[in-house]
């Protein structure tokens, strides 16, 4: 394997449907502007609540992609 460098960023996806959809939303949005996505790790799940009702599911992800030196 050749030497490589990867950059890791944190994203938070939201959904009114599920945590899975929240995570998917985050990855799909990142894929629109980042090339070389390699791995997404869910690091935290929570919910936005109001008056005891779930308004949104939120998934915090650490996403890595191949780093080419530009931002």
N, C-alpha and C. Protein backbone atom coordinates (compact mmCIF):
# COMPACT_ATOMS: atom_id res chain seq x y z
N UNK A 1 0.84 -1.18 0.00
CA UNK A 1 0.00 0.00 0.00
C UNK A 1 0.89 1.24 0.00
N UNK A 2 0.59 2.18 -0.86
CA UNK A 2 1.35 3.43 -0.94
C UNK A 2 1.07 4.30 0.28
N UNK A 3 2.04 5.17 0.61
CA UNK A 3 1.83 6.10 1.72
C UNK A 3 0.69 7.04 1.37
N UNK A 4 -0.18 7.30 2.34
CA UNK A 4 -1.33 8.18 2.12
C UNK A 4 -1.58 9.00 3.36
N UNK A 5 -2.29 10.09 3.18
CA UNK A 5 -2.74 10.92 4.29
C UNK A 5 -4.24 11.09 4.15
N UNK A 6 -4.94 10.98 5.26
CA UNK A 6 -6.39 11.13 5.27
C UNK A 6 -6.77 12.26 6.22
N UNK A 7 -7.76 13.01 5.84
CA UNK A 7 -8.29 14.07 6.68
C UNK A 7 -9.58 13.55 7.31
N UNK A 8 -9.82 13.92 8.57
CA UNK A 8 -11.02 13.50 9.29
C UNK A 8 -11.80 14.73 9.70
N UNK A 9 -13.10 14.73 9.39
CA UNK A 9 -13.96 15.83 9.78
C UNK A 9 -15.15 15.27 10.55
N UNK A 10 -15.81 16.12 11.29
CA UNK A 10 -17.02 15.74 12.02
C UNK A 10 -18.23 16.35 11.34
N UNK A 11 -19.24 15.53 11.12
CA UNK A 11 -20.49 15.98 10.53
C UNK A 11 -21.64 15.57 11.42
N UNK A 12 -22.71 16.35 11.40
CA UNK A 12 -23.94 15.98 12.11
C UNK A 12 -25.07 16.00 11.10
N UNK A 13 -25.68 14.83 10.90
CA UNK A 13 -26.82 14.71 10.00
C UNK A 13 -28.10 14.67 10.82
N UNK A 14 -29.17 15.15 10.24
CA UNK A 14 -30.46 15.13 10.94
C UNK A 14 -31.53 14.51 10.04
N UNK A 15 -32.56 13.99 10.68
CA UNK A 15 -33.70 13.41 9.97
C UNK A 15 -34.90 13.37 10.90
N UNK A 16 -36.06 13.53 10.35
CA UNK A 16 -37.28 13.36 11.16
C UNK A 16 -37.71 11.91 11.20
N UNK A 17 -37.02 11.05 10.43
CA UNK A 17 -37.41 9.63 10.32
C UNK A 17 -36.64 8.69 11.24
N UNK A 18 -35.28 8.77 11.21
CA UNK A 18 -34.48 7.79 11.95
C UNK A 18 -33.03 8.23 12.06
N UNK A 19 -32.28 7.55 12.95
CA UNK A 19 -30.85 7.80 13.05
C UNK A 19 -30.15 7.34 11.78
N UNK A 20 -30.58 6.22 11.22
CA UNK A 20 -29.97 5.72 9.98
C UNK A 20 -30.10 6.75 8.86
N UNK A 21 -31.26 7.34 8.73
CA UNK A 21 -31.48 8.36 7.69
C UNK A 21 -30.65 9.61 7.99
N UNK A 22 -30.51 9.96 9.25
CA UNK A 22 -29.68 11.12 9.63
C UNK A 22 -28.24 10.90 9.21
N UNK A 23 -27.70 9.70 9.47
CA UNK A 23 -26.33 9.38 9.08
C UNK A 23 -26.19 9.38 7.56
N UNK A 24 -27.17 8.80 6.88
CA UNK A 24 -27.15 8.77 5.42
C UNK A 24 -27.17 10.18 4.84
N UNK A 25 -27.98 11.05 5.40
CA UNK A 25 -28.05 12.44 4.93
C UNK A 25 -26.69 13.13 5.03
N UNK A 26 -25.98 12.90 6.14
CA UNK A 26 -24.67 13.52 6.33
C UNK A 26 -23.67 13.03 5.28
N UNK A 27 -23.64 11.72 5.03
CA UNK A 27 -22.70 11.16 4.06
C UNK A 27 -23.04 11.61 2.64
N UNK A 28 -24.32 11.60 2.30
CA UNK A 28 -24.72 12.01 0.96
C UNK A 28 -24.39 13.48 0.69
N UNK A 29 -24.55 14.33 1.68
CA UNK A 29 -24.21 15.74 1.51
C UNK A 29 -22.70 15.91 1.37
N UNK A 30 -21.94 15.21 2.20
CA UNK A 30 -20.48 15.30 2.13
C UNK A 30 -19.97 14.82 0.76
N UNK A 31 -20.59 13.80 0.22
CA UNK A 31 -20.16 13.25 -1.07
C UNK A 31 -20.34 14.23 -2.22
N UNK A 32 -21.19 15.23 -2.04
CA UNK A 32 -21.40 16.23 -3.09
C UNK A 32 -20.20 17.16 -3.25
N UNK A 33 -19.42 17.34 -2.18
CA UNK A 33 -18.31 18.30 -2.26
C UNK A 33 -16.94 17.70 -1.92
N UNK A 34 -16.91 16.50 -1.38
CA UNK A 34 -15.63 15.87 -1.01
C UNK A 34 -15.38 14.65 -1.88
N UNK A 35 -14.15 14.53 -2.35
CA UNK A 35 -13.77 13.36 -3.13
C UNK A 35 -13.01 12.39 -2.25
N UNK A 36 -13.06 11.14 -2.59
CA UNK A 36 -12.25 10.13 -1.91
C UNK A 36 -12.73 9.79 -0.51
N UNK A 37 -14.04 9.86 -0.27
CA UNK A 37 -14.55 9.46 1.04
C UNK A 37 -14.17 8.00 1.29
N UNK A 38 -13.67 7.72 2.49
CA UNK A 38 -13.19 6.38 2.79
C UNK A 38 -13.99 5.69 3.88
N UNK A 39 -14.32 6.42 4.93
CA UNK A 39 -14.93 5.78 6.09
C UNK A 39 -15.80 6.79 6.82
N UNK A 40 -16.93 6.31 7.32
CA UNK A 40 -17.78 7.14 8.18
C UNK A 40 -18.07 6.33 9.44
N UNK A 41 -17.79 6.92 10.56
CA UNK A 41 -17.98 6.25 11.84
C UNK A 41 -19.00 7.04 12.67
N UNK A 42 -20.09 6.40 13.06
CA UNK A 42 -21.07 7.05 13.92
C UNK A 42 -20.49 7.09 15.33
N UNK A 43 -20.35 8.31 15.88
CA UNK A 43 -19.74 8.45 17.19
C UNK A 43 -20.74 8.86 18.27
N UNK A 44 -21.90 9.35 17.84
CA UNK A 44 -22.90 9.78 18.83
C UNK A 44 -24.27 9.84 18.15
N UNK A 45 -25.28 9.43 18.89
CA UNK A 45 -26.67 9.53 18.44
C UNK A 45 -27.45 10.31 19.49
N UNK A 46 -28.28 11.24 19.06
CA UNK A 46 -29.16 11.92 20.00
C UNK A 46 -30.44 12.35 19.28
N UNK A 47 -31.32 12.94 20.03
CA UNK A 47 -32.59 13.40 19.47
C UNK A 47 -32.85 14.83 19.90
N UNK A 48 -33.48 15.58 19.04
CA UNK A 48 -33.96 16.92 19.39
C UNK A 48 -35.41 16.74 19.84
N UNK A 49 -35.68 17.14 21.07
CA UNK A 49 -37.01 16.95 21.65
C UNK A 49 -37.68 18.28 21.91
N UNK A 50 -38.99 18.27 21.84
CA UNK A 50 -39.78 19.43 22.24
C UNK A 50 -41.07 18.92 22.87
N UNK A 51 -41.27 19.33 24.13
CA UNK A 51 -42.44 18.91 24.90
C UNK A 51 -42.61 17.39 24.90
N UNK A 52 -41.47 16.70 25.04
CA UNK A 52 -41.49 15.25 25.13
C UNK A 52 -41.68 14.53 23.81
N UNK A 53 -41.69 15.24 22.71
CA UNK A 53 -41.86 14.63 21.39
C UNK A 53 -40.57 14.76 20.59
N UNK A 54 -40.29 13.74 19.81
CA UNK A 54 -39.08 13.74 18.98
C UNK A 54 -39.32 14.61 17.75
N UNK A 55 -38.50 15.66 17.62
CA UNK A 55 -38.57 16.51 16.43
C UNK A 55 -37.58 16.05 15.37
N UNK A 56 -36.42 15.55 15.81
CA UNK A 56 -35.41 15.12 14.84
C UNK A 56 -34.44 14.14 15.50
N UNK A 57 -33.98 13.20 14.70
CA UNK A 57 -32.91 12.30 15.08
C UNK A 57 -31.62 12.92 14.56
N UNK A 58 -30.55 12.83 15.36
CA UNK A 58 -29.27 13.40 14.94
C UNK A 58 -28.18 12.35 15.09
N UNK A 59 -27.33 12.28 14.08
CA UNK A 59 -26.20 11.35 14.10
C UNK A 59 -24.92 12.14 13.87
N UNK A 60 -23.98 12.03 14.81
CA UNK A 60 -22.67 12.68 14.66
C UNK A 60 -21.72 11.63 14.09
N UNK A 61 -21.04 12.00 12.99
CA UNK A 61 -20.14 11.09 12.31
C UNK A 61 -18.75 11.68 12.20
N UNK A 62 -17.75 10.80 12.25
CA UNK A 62 -16.39 11.15 11.87
C UNK A 62 -16.20 10.57 10.48
N UNK A 63 -15.91 11.43 9.52
CA UNK A 63 -15.77 11.01 8.12
C UNK A 63 -14.34 11.26 7.67
N UNK A 64 -13.75 10.25 7.04
CA UNK A 64 -12.39 10.43 6.53
C UNK A 64 -12.39 10.39 5.01
N UNK A 65 -11.44 11.14 4.45
CA UNK A 65 -11.27 11.16 3.00
C UNK A 65 -9.80 11.38 2.70
N UNK A 66 -9.39 10.94 1.52
CA UNK A 66 -7.98 11.07 1.13
C UNK A 66 -7.64 12.55 1.00
N UNK A 67 -6.56 12.96 1.63
CA UNK A 67 -6.15 14.35 1.69
C UNK A 67 -5.08 14.59 0.64
N UNK A 68 -5.31 15.59 -0.23
CA UNK A 68 -4.35 15.87 -1.29
C UNK A 68 -3.58 17.17 -1.06
N UNK A 69 -3.71 17.75 0.12
CA UNK A 69 -2.97 18.97 0.44
C UNK A 69 -3.77 20.25 0.28
N UNK A 70 -4.88 20.23 -0.43
CA UNK A 70 -5.74 21.41 -0.58
C UNK A 70 -6.89 21.32 0.39
N UNK A 71 -7.54 22.42 0.67
CA UNK A 71 -8.70 22.37 1.58
C UNK A 71 -9.96 22.58 0.85
